[in-house]
């Protein structure tokens, strides 16, 4: 999760511990190839507007196996 690209999430960028807020920006997690080595971690959070594109932000396809179809 650290060192490739930051990862888009579907979560709004809320202050912890809040999970449901009206923020328009989405949380972007992790580090990227543009970060210094000590900043490329999996726990960093940033915020970007939904339509914003950056070369160091990507996505990961994931599926929740705990949910029933």
C-alpha atoms as a PDB file:
ATOM      1  CA  UNK A   1       0.000   0.000   0.000  1.00  0.00           C
ATOM      2  CA  UNK A   2       2.944   2.344   0.361  1.00  0.00           C
ATOM      3  CA  UNK A   3       5.227   3.438  -2.425  1.00  0.00           C
ATOM      4  CA  UNK A   4       3.129   2.773  -5.524  1.00  0.00           C
ATOM      5  CA  UNK A   5       0.212   5.193  -5.698  1.00  0.00           C
ATOM      6  CA  UNK A   6      -2.154   6.583  -3.105  1.00  0.00           C
ATOM      7  CA  UNK A   7      -5.484   4.797  -3.076  1.00  0.00           C
ATOM      8  CA  UNK A   8      -8.918   6.356  -3.623  1.00  0.00           C
ATOM      9  CA  UNK A   9     -11.565   5.270  -1.123  1.00  0.00           C
ATOM     10  CA  UNK A  10     -15.334   5.671  -1.192  1.00  0.00           C
ATOM     11  CA  UNK A  11     -15.258   7.238   2.285  1.00  0.00           C
ATOM     12  CA  UNK A  12     -15.838  10.944   2.804  1.00  0.00           C
ATOM     13  CA  UNK A  13     -12.873  12.744   4.382  1.00  0.00           C
ATOM     14  CA  UNK A  14     -14.209  13.045   7.946  1.00  0.00           C
ATOM     15  CA  UNK A  15     -12.352  13.770  11.145  1.00  0.00           C
ATOM     16  CA  UNK A  16     -11.825  10.637  13.251  1.00  0.00           C
ATOM     17  CA  UNK A  17     -13.810   8.994  14.842  1.00  0.00           C
ATOM     18  CA  UNK A  18     -16.688  10.290  12.684  1.00  0.00           C
ATOM     19  CA  UNK A  19     -17.556   8.119   9.662  1.00  0.00           C
ATOM     20  CA  UNK A  20     -20.639   9.813   8.234  1.00  0.00           C
ATOM     21  CA  UNK A  21     -20.154  13.478   7.458  1.00  0.00           C
ATOM     22  CA  UNK A  22     -21.224  15.736   4.629  1.00  0.00           C
ATOM     23  CA  UNK A  23     -17.698  16.239   3.252  1.00  0.00           C
ATOM     24  CA  UNK A  24     -17.574  16.427  -0.538  1.00  0.00           C
ATOM     25  CA  UNK A  25     -13.906  15.365  -0.617  1.00  0.00           C
ATOM     26  CA  UNK A  26     -13.010  11.685  -0.519  1.00  0.00           C
ATOM     27  CA  UNK A  27     -10.295  10.100   1.566  1.00  0.00           C
ATOM     28  CA  UNK A  28      -7.136   9.037  -0.235  1.00  0.00           C
ATOM     29  CA  UNK A  29      -4.917   6.661   1.733  1.00  0.00           C
ATOM     30  CA  UNK A  30      -1.333   5.493   1.658  1.00  0.00           C
ATOM     31  CA  UNK A  31       1.880   6.794   0.187  1.00  0.00           C
ATOM     32  CA  UNK A  32       3.102   7.148  -3.359  1.00  0.00           C
ATOM     33  CA  UNK A  33       6.234   7.110  -5.465  1.00  0.00           C
ATOM     34  CA  UNK A  34       6.321  10.913  -5.174  1.00  0.00           C
ATOM     35  CA  UNK A  35       6.714  10.816  -1.367  1.00  0.00           C
ATOM     36  CA  UNK A  36       9.981  10.811   0.518  1.00  0.00           C
ATOM     37  CA  UNK A  37      10.817   7.317   1.775  1.00  0.00           C
ATOM     38  CA  UNK A  38       9.839   8.105   5.382  1.00  0.00           C
ATOM     39  CA  UNK A  39       6.450   9.504   4.223  1.00  0.00           C
ATOM     40  CA  UNK A  40       5.510   6.484   2.078  1.00  0.00           C
ATOM     41  CA  UNK A  41       3.352   4.697   4.648  1.00  0.00           C
ATOM     42  CA  UNK A  42       0.028   2.882   4.506  1.00  0.00           C
ATOM     43  CA  UNK A  43      -1.676   4.943   7.198  1.00  0.00           C
ATOM     44  CA  UNK A  44      -1.466   8.491   5.817  1.00  0.00           C
ATOM     45  CA  UNK A  45      -4.762  10.113   4.804  1.00  0.00           C
ATOM     46  CA  UNK A  46      -5.306  12.927   2.343  1.00  0.00           C
ATOM     47  CA  UNK A  47      -8.422  14.453   0.795  1.00  0.00           C
ATOM     48  CA  UNK A  48      -9.215  15.065  -2.860  1.00  0.00           C
ATOM     49  CA  UNK A  49     -12.289  16.256  -4.687  1.00  0.00           C
ATOM     50  CA  UNK A  50     -14.060  13.384  -6.506  1.00  0.00           C
ATOM     51  CA  UNK A  51     -13.204  14.686  -9.999  1.00  0.00           C
ATOM     52  CA  UNK A  52      -9.566  15.527  -9.282  1.00  0.00           C
ATOM     53  CA  UNK A  53      -6.893  13.477 -11.070  1.00  0.00           C
ATOM     54  CA  UNK A  54      -3.261  13.139 -10.002  1.00  0.00           C
ATOM     55  CA  UNK A  55      -0.447  10.916 -11.308  1.00  0.00           C
ATOM     56  CA  UNK A  56       0.229   9.536  -7.818  1.00  0.00           C
ATOM     57  CA  UNK A  57      -3.381   8.495  -7.033  1.00  0.00           C
ATOM     58  CA  UNK A  58      -4.943   5.259  -8.237  1.00  0.00           C
ATOM     59  CA  UNK A  59      -7.454   2.682  -7.118  1.00  0.00           C
ATOM     60  CA  UNK A  60      -7.613  -0.886  -5.972  1.00  0.00           C
ATOM     61  CA  UNK A  61     -10.411  -3.300  -6.783  1.00  0.00           C
ATOM     62  CA  UNK A  62     -11.636  -5.072  -3.676  1.00  0.00           C
ATOM     63  CA  UNK A  63     -14.620  -7.106  -2.636  1.00  0.00           C
ATOM     64  CA  UNK A  64     -16.012  -7.628   0.856  1.00  0.00           C
ATOM     65  CA  UNK A  65     -16.196 -11.390   1.269  1.00  0.00           C
ATOM     66  CA  UNK A  66     -18.212 -11.088   4.476  1.00  0.00           C
ATOM     67  CA  UNK A  67     -21.275  -9.686   2.664  1.00  0.00           C
ATOM     68  CA  UNK A  68     -23.790 -12.109   1.240  1.00  0.00           C
ATOM     69  CA  UNK A  69     -24.915 -11.660  -2.343  1.00  0.00           C
END
